[in-house]
Protein backbone atom coordinates (compact mmCIF):
# COMPACT_ATOMS: atom_id res chain seq x y z
CA MET A 1 0.07 0.01 0.05
CA ARG A 2 1.32 3.04 -0.68
CA ALA A 3 0.29 6.79 0.29
CA VAL A 4 0.92 10.53 -0.88
CA ILE A 5 0.11 12.26 2.00
CA GLN A 6 -0.45 16.25 1.80
CA ARG A 7 -0.32 18.70 4.46
CA VAL A 8 -3.62 20.68 4.21
CA THR A 9 -4.99 24.25 5.73
CA GLU A 10 -8.57 22.61 3.57
CA ALA A 11 -9.18 20.08 0.10
CA GLN A 12 -11.85 19.17 -1.44
CA VAL A 13 -12.70 16.66 -4.74
CA GLU A 14 -15.59 16.88 -6.83
CA VAL A 15 -16.79 14.43 -9.23
CA ASP A 16 -19.07 16.12 -12.32
CA GLY A 17 -19.13 19.31 -10.93
CA LYS A 18 -20.16 18.53 -7.59
CA VAL A 19 -18.31 18.51 -3.81
CA ILE A 20 -18.66 15.27 -2.96
CA GLY A 21 -15.61 15.42 -0.31
CA GLN A 22 -14.68 18.23 1.77
CA ILE A 23 -12.13 18.99 4.51
CA GLY A 24 -10.59 22.12 6.63
CA PRO A 25 -7.30 21.89 8.13
CA GLY A 26 -5.86 18.42 8.45
CA MET A 27 -4.19 16.25 5.39
CA VAL A 28 -5.03 14.63 1.94
CA VAL A 29 -4.00 11.30 1.93
CA LEU A 30 -3.80 10.03 -1.87
CA LEU A 31 -3.79 6.25 -1.89
CA GLY A 32 -2.64 3.21 -4.13
CA ILE A 33 -3.24 -0.36 -3.21
CA SER A 34 -0.82 -3.02 -4.67
CA LYS A 35 -1.71 -7.08 -5.35
CA GLU A 36 0.05 -7.88 -1.99
CA ASP A 37 -1.85 -5.52 0.07
CA GLY A 38 -4.22 -7.06 3.04
CA GLU A 39 -5.63 -6.22 5.89
CA ASN A 40 -2.18 -5.90 7.33
CA GLU A 41 -1.73 -3.64 5.32
CA VAL A 42 -4.53 -1.46 5.52
CA ASN A 43 -3.75 -1.31 9.67
CA SER A 44 -0.07 -0.48 9.18
CA MET A 45 -0.86 2.23 7.04
CA ALA A 46 -3.71 3.97 9.01
CA GLU A 47 -1.87 3.42 12.59
CA LYS A 48 0.52 5.39 10.45
CA VAL A 49 -0.98 7.65 9.24
CA VAL A 50 -3.27 8.55 12.33
CA ASN A 51 0.04 8.48 14.73
CA LEU A 52 2.46 10.65 11.58
CA ARG A 53 4.20 13.92 13.91
CA PHE A 54 3.18 15.70 10.24
CA PHE A 55 2.21 19.01 12.11
CA GLN A 56 4.11 22.06 13.91
CA ASP A 57 4.19 22.67 17.65
CA ALA A 58 4.04 25.70 19.20
CA GLU A 59 7.95 25.91 18.66
CA GLY A 60 7.15 25.57 14.52
CA LYS A 61 8.79 21.34 14.91
CA LEU A 62 6.65 18.63 12.87
CA ASN A 63 6.13 16.97 15.82
CA LEU A 64 2.26 17.18 16.17
CA SER A 65 -0.10 14.35 14.56
CA ILE A 66 -3.51 14.62 12.93
CA LYS A 67 -5.28 13.60 15.83
CA ASP A 68 -2.87 16.28 18.42
CA VAL A 69 -4.49 18.75 16.04
CA GLY A 70 -8.02 17.99 15.77
CA GLY A 71 -7.42 17.63 11.57
CA GLU A 72 -10.07 15.76 9.17
CA VAL A 73 -8.52 13.92 6.73
CA LEU A 74 -9.96 13.21 2.63
CA VAL A 75 -8.80 10.20 0.93
CA VAL A 76 -8.90 9.18 -2.70
CA SER A 77 -7.78 6.69 -4.65
CA GLN A 78 -5.11 6.58 -6.51
CA PHE A 79 -3.90 3.17 -8.62
CA THR A 80 -1.56 5.58 -10.49
CA LEU A 81 0.59 5.45 -7.47
CA TYR A 82 1.80 1.84 -8.61
CA GLY A 83 2.50 3.63 -12.35
CA ASP A 84 6.18 1.52 -13.29
CA CYS A 85 7.49 4.13 -15.66
CA ARG A 86 10.73 1.97 -16.12
CA LYS A 87 10.65 0.98 -19.21
CA GLY A 88 9.57 2.57 -22.34
CA ARG A 89 6.86 6.26 -22.44
CA ARG A 90 3.81 4.07 -21.12
CA PRO A 91 3.86 3.35 -17.44
CA SER A 92 2.61 -0.04 -15.99
CA TYR A 93 0.23 -0.94 -13.79
CA THR A 94 0.27 -4.60 -13.62
CA ARG A 95 1.11 -4.09 -9.38
CA ALA A 96 -2.19 -2.05 -8.91
CA ALA A 97 -4.58 -4.03 -7.85
CA PRO A 98 -7.83 -4.83 -9.42
CA GLY A 99 -10.42 -2.71 -9.15
CA LYS A 100 -13.26 -4.61 -6.80
CA GLU A 101 -9.82 -5.98 -4.49
CA ALA A 102 -8.58 -2.33 -4.00
CA ARG A 103 -12.07 -1.11 -3.92
CA ILE A 104 -12.71 -3.90 -0.54
CA LEU A 105 -9.22 -2.58 0.95
CA TYR A 106 -10.18 1.08 0.08
CA GLU A 107 -13.10 1.01 1.81
CA LYS A 108 -10.89 -1.01 5.42
CA PHE A 109 -8.58 2.20 5.42
CA ILE A 110 -11.41 4.60 5.39
CA GLU A 111 -13.10 2.71 8.48
CA LYS A 112 -10.62 1.91 9.75
CA LEU A 113 -9.10 5.59 10.21
CA LYS A 114 -13.22 6.70 11.58
CA ALA A 115 -12.49 3.67 14.11
CA LEU A 116 -9.18 5.58 14.80
CA GLY A 117 -11.05 8.38 15.87
CA VAL A 118 -9.91 10.88 12.65
CA PRO A 119 -12.61 12.58 10.76
CA VAL A 120 -12.55 10.90 7.25
CA ALA A 121 -14.36 13.27 3.85
CA GLU A 122 -13.64 10.51 0.99
CA GLY A 123 -13.46 10.86 -3.00
CA ILE A 124 -15.70 7.90 -5.04
CA PHE A 125 -13.33 5.21 -5.80
CA GLN A 126 -12.64 4.98 -9.41
CA ALA A 127 -14.52 7.63 -10.49
CA ARG A 128 -13.14 10.28 -12.49
CA MET A 129 -12.21 13.54 -10.00
CA LEU A 130 -11.11 17.04 -9.38
CA VAL A 131 -8.96 17.39 -6.45
CA LYS A 132 -8.45 20.96 -5.17
CA ILE A 133 -5.32 20.54 -2.25
CA PHE A 134 -4.20 23.82 -0.56
CA ASN A 135 -1.04 22.27 0.74
CA GLU A 136 0.35 23.88 3.62
CA GLY A 137 3.80 24.18 4.27
CA PRO A 138 4.07 23.01 1.20
CA VAL A 139 4.62 19.38 3.54
CA THR A 140 4.27 16.16 1.28
CA LEU A 141 5.05 12.47 2.82
CA ILE A 142 5.30 8.98 0.72
CA LEU A 143 4.49 5.95 2.61
CA ASP A 144 4.94 2.89 1.97
CA THR A 145 4.00 -0.60 3.37
CA ASP A 146 6.51 -2.37 1.60
CA LYS A 147 10.16 -2.17 2.96
CA SER A 148 11.77 -2.50 0.06
CA PHE A 149 10.53 0.77 -1.17
CA TYR A 150 12.58 2.75 1.27
């Protein structure tokens, strides 16, 4: 499971011109799911996102979690995070999980975040979306449950 997370002042996702998910201060999680992912990766990624010290404390250090600051999370599915561009000019998505399996894990990830006490808004799985992100800092990190990624 791979995530690009961005600290935001606000963010929203639109489908067909309608806002379907919106948050104030918090983080956007662009979430990619691979064929190898399962329940363990969902739990690991959700725990990491909720507890990551990603926000500034009173001294300006990145020392506070989303729960510490009372922020919200916007989760958007992003299979292209598993695009492999090493060969040729067209990305290969062979590592990305098929839609049906990815949807199940995407929904479990959102439920896990909620269970951990974080307000969550979301995009629509497999929809064509317009995502508006007001990256604050800017602060952007890449998280990956695959240990070989690092």
